[in-house]
Amino acid sequence: MDKSVSESRNLISLKTAAGLIDVDSKTIRNWIASGDIAGYRINGRLLRVERSELLALVRPAELTTGGVA
């Protein structure tokens, strides 16, 4: 995958992804291994994730009104 494709998909490094959501990069690797998010190999070695997919995974759940009685 060339640089223009990675830029159009907004792929970021595991280190950047981990810093963005304040977790360890091993957590990102675990999420890729478990299938929670997709990992993309760049030049056969570098692993990247899509920024929007990562943020969608960690987005807080919406709270509903009308709690438990």
N, C-alpha and C. Protein backbone atom coordinates (compact mmCIF):
# COMPACT_ATOMS: atom_id res chain seq x y z
N MET A 1 0.86 -1.17 0.00
CA MET A 1 0.00 0.00 0.00
C MET A 1 0.90 1.23 0.00
N ASP A 2 0.65 2.14 -0.90
CA ASP A 2 1.51 3.31 -0.96
C ASP A 2 1.00 4.42 -0.04
N LYS A 3 1.80 5.45 0.07
CA LYS A 3 1.49 6.52 1.02
C LYS A 3 0.17 7.21 0.72
N SER A 4 -0.16 7.40 -0.54
CA SER A 4 -1.41 8.10 -0.88
C SER A 4 -2.63 7.30 -0.43
N VAL A 5 -2.56 5.98 -0.50
CA VAL A 5 -3.68 5.15 -0.04
C VAL A 5 -3.81 5.24 1.48
N SER A 6 -2.69 5.19 2.20
CA SER A 6 -2.75 5.27 3.65
C SER A 6 -3.26 6.63 4.11
N GLU A 7 -2.92 7.68 3.39
CA GLU A 7 -3.41 9.01 3.74
C GLU A 7 -4.91 9.13 3.48
N SER A 8 -5.40 8.55 2.40
CA SER A 8 -6.82 8.65 2.08
C SER A 8 -7.67 7.85 3.07
N ARG A 9 -7.11 6.78 3.62
CA ARG A 9 -7.83 5.98 4.62
C ARG A 9 -7.61 6.50 6.03
N ASN A 10 -6.71 7.46 6.21
CA ASN A 10 -6.37 8.03 7.50
C ASN A 10 -5.86 6.96 8.46
N LEU A 11 -4.85 6.22 7.99
CA LEU A 11 -4.23 5.18 8.80
C LEU A 11 -3.19 5.81 9.72
N ILE A 12 -3.16 5.36 10.96
CA ILE A 12 -2.21 5.88 11.94
C ILE A 12 -1.43 4.73 12.56
N SER A 13 -0.26 5.03 13.08
CA SER A 13 0.58 4.01 13.70
C SER A 13 -0.05 3.55 15.02
N LEU A 14 0.40 2.40 15.49
CA LEU A 14 -0.11 1.88 16.76
C LEU A 14 0.27 2.81 17.91
N LYS A 15 1.45 3.37 17.84
CA LYS A 15 1.89 4.30 18.89
C LYS A 15 1.00 5.55 18.92
N THR A 16 0.69 6.09 17.75
CA THR A 16 -0.19 7.25 17.67
C THR A 16 -1.59 6.89 18.15
N ALA A 17 -2.08 5.73 17.73
CA ALA A 17 -3.42 5.27 18.14
C ALA A 17 -3.50 5.12 19.65
N ALA A 18 -2.47 4.52 20.24
CA ALA A 18 -2.44 4.31 21.68
C ALA A 18 -2.42 5.64 22.43
N GLY A 19 -1.64 6.58 21.94
CA GLY A 19 -1.59 7.90 22.56
C GLY A 19 -2.90 8.66 22.43
N LEU A 20 -3.58 8.46 21.33
CA LEU A 20 -4.84 9.15 21.06
C LEU A 20 -5.92 8.78 22.08
N ILE A 21 -5.94 7.51 22.49
CA ILE A 21 -6.99 7.06 23.42
C ILE A 21 -6.43 6.67 24.79
N ASP A 22 -5.16 6.96 25.02
CA ASP A 22 -4.50 6.76 26.31
C ASP A 22 -4.52 5.31 26.79
N VAL A 23 -4.07 4.42 25.90
CA VAL A 23 -3.86 3.01 26.24
C VAL A 23 -2.47 2.61 25.76
N ASP A 24 -2.02 1.43 26.13
CA ASP A 24 -0.73 0.93 25.67
C ASP A 24 -0.87 0.40 24.24
N SER A 25 0.21 0.45 23.48
CA SER A 25 0.15 -0.04 22.10
C SER A 25 -0.14 -1.54 22.05
N LYS A 26 0.19 -2.28 23.10
CA LYS A 26 -0.14 -3.70 23.17
C LYS A 26 -1.66 -3.91 23.19
N THR A 27 -2.38 -2.98 23.77
CA THR A 27 -3.85 -3.05 23.78
C THR A 27 -4.38 -2.95 22.36
N ILE A 28 -3.81 -2.06 21.56
CA ILE A 28 -4.21 -1.91 20.16
C ILE A 28 -3.94 -3.22 19.42
N ARG A 29 -2.76 -3.81 19.65
CA ARG A 29 -2.43 -5.10 19.02
C ARG A 29 -3.42 -6.19 19.43
N ASN A 30 -3.80 -6.21 20.69
CA ASN A 30 -4.78 -7.20 21.17
C ASN A 30 -6.13 -7.01 20.49
N TRP A 31 -6.55 -5.75 20.30
CA TRP A 31 -7.82 -5.49 19.63
C TRP A 31 -7.78 -5.94 18.18
N ILE A 32 -6.63 -5.77 17.53
CA ILE A 32 -6.48 -6.24 16.15
C ILE A 32 -6.55 -7.77 16.13
N ALA A 33 -5.83 -8.42 17.05
CA ALA A 33 -5.80 -9.89 17.10
C ALA A 33 -7.18 -10.48 17.38
N SER A 34 -7.97 -9.79 18.20
CA SER A 34 -9.29 -10.31 18.54
C SER A 34 -10.36 -9.94 17.50
N GLY A 35 -9.99 -9.09 16.53
CA GLY A 35 -10.92 -8.72 15.48
C GLY A 35 -11.79 -7.52 15.81
N ASP A 36 -11.50 -6.84 16.92
CA ASP A 36 -12.29 -5.66 17.28
C ASP A 36 -12.07 -4.50 16.31
N ILE A 37 -10.85 -4.37 15.80
CA ILE A 37 -10.54 -3.39 14.77
C ILE A 37 -9.63 -4.06 13.74
N ALA A 38 -9.60 -3.49 12.56
CA ALA A 38 -8.77 -4.04 11.48
C ALA A 38 -7.37 -3.43 11.55
N GLY A 39 -6.38 -4.25 11.29
CA GLY A 39 -5.00 -3.79 11.18
C GLY A 39 -4.56 -3.89 9.73
N TYR A 40 -3.78 -2.93 9.28
CA TYR A 40 -3.32 -2.89 7.91
C TYR A 40 -1.80 -2.89 7.88
N ARG A 41 -1.22 -3.79 7.10
CA ARG A 41 0.23 -3.86 6.95
C ARG A 41 0.66 -2.89 5.84
N ILE A 42 1.64 -2.08 6.15
CA ILE A 42 2.21 -1.14 5.20
C ILE A 42 3.62 -1.63 4.89
N ASN A 43 3.94 -1.78 3.62
CA ASN A 43 5.25 -2.27 3.19
C ASN A 43 5.58 -3.63 3.80
N GLY A 44 4.57 -4.42 4.09
CA GLY A 44 4.78 -5.77 4.59
C GLY A 44 5.17 -5.88 6.05
N ARG A 45 5.47 -4.78 6.70
CA ARG A 45 5.95 -4.85 8.08
C ARG A 45 5.22 -3.91 9.03
N LEU A 46 5.05 -2.67 8.64
CA LEU A 46 4.46 -1.67 9.53
C LEU A 46 2.96 -1.91 9.69
N LEU A 47 2.48 -1.86 10.91
CA LEU A 47 1.07 -2.10 11.19
C LEU A 47 0.39 -0.77 11.49
N ARG A 48 -0.74 -0.55 10.86
CA ARG A 48 -1.51 0.69 11.03
C ARG A 48 -2.97 0.35 11.29
N VAL A 49 -3.69 1.32 11.89
CA VAL A 49 -5.13 1.18 12.09
C VAL A 49 -5.81 2.43 11.54
N GLU A 50 -7.06 2.29 11.21
CA GLU A 50 -7.82 3.43 10.70
C GLU A 50 -8.32 4.26 11.88
N ARG A 51 -8.03 5.54 11.86
CA ARG A 51 -8.35 6.44 12.97
C ARG A 51 -9.83 6.42 13.31
N SER A 52 -10.69 6.52 12.32
CA SER A 52 -12.13 6.58 12.57
C SER A 52 -12.66 5.28 13.17
N GLU A 53 -12.10 4.14 12.75
CA GLU A 53 -12.52 2.85 13.30
C GLU A 53 -12.11 2.74 14.77
N LEU A 54 -10.92 3.21 15.09
CA LEU A 54 -10.45 3.20 16.47
C LEU A 54 -11.34 4.07 17.35
N LEU A 55 -11.64 5.26 16.90
CA LEU A 55 -12.46 6.17 17.69
C LEU A 55 -13.88 5.65 17.85
N ALA A 56 -14.40 4.96 16.85
CA ALA A 56 -15.74 4.37 16.95
C ALA A 56 -15.76 3.26 17.99
N LEU A 57 -14.67 2.53 18.11
CA LEU A 57 -14.59 1.44 19.08
C LEU A 57 -14.61 1.97 20.51
N VAL A 58 -13.97 3.08 20.76
CA VAL A 58 -13.85 3.58 22.13
C VAL A 58 -14.84 4.69 22.46
N ARG A 59 -15.72 5.00 21.53
CA ARG A 59 -16.72 6.03 21.78
C ARG A 59 -17.61 5.59 22.94
N PRO A 60 -17.85 6.46 23.92
CA PRO A 60 -18.70 6.06 25.05
C PRO A 60 -20.12 5.74 24.59
N ALA A 61 -20.71 4.78 25.25
CA ALA A 61 -22.10 4.41 24.94
C ALA A 61 -23.02 5.57 25.36
N GLU A 62 -24.09 5.75 24.62
CA GLU A 62 -25.04 6.78 24.96
C GLU A 62 -25.88 6.34 26.15
N LEU A 63 -26.10 7.25 27.06
CA LEU A 63 -26.92 6.94 28.22
C LEU A 63 -28.38 7.18 27.87
N THR A 64 -29.23 6.33 28.37
CA THR A 64 -30.66 6.51 28.14
C THR A 64 -31.29 7.07 29.40
N THR A 65 -32.35 7.82 29.22
CA THR A 65 -33.07 8.36 30.37
C THR A 65 -34.09 7.33 30.84
N GLY A 66 -34.54 7.48 32.05
CA GLY A 66 -35.52 6.52 32.60
C GLY A 66 -34.81 5.30 33.13
N GLY A 67 -34.00 5.48 34.13
CA GLY A 67 -33.19 4.39 34.69
C GLY A 67 -34.02 3.26 35.28
N VAL A 68 -33.36 2.44 36.02
CA VAL A 68 -33.96 1.27 36.63
C VAL A 68 -34.87 1.69 37.78
N ALA A 69 -36.03 1.06 37.88
CA ALA A 69 -37.00 1.40 38.91
C ALA A 69 -36.60 0.87 40.25
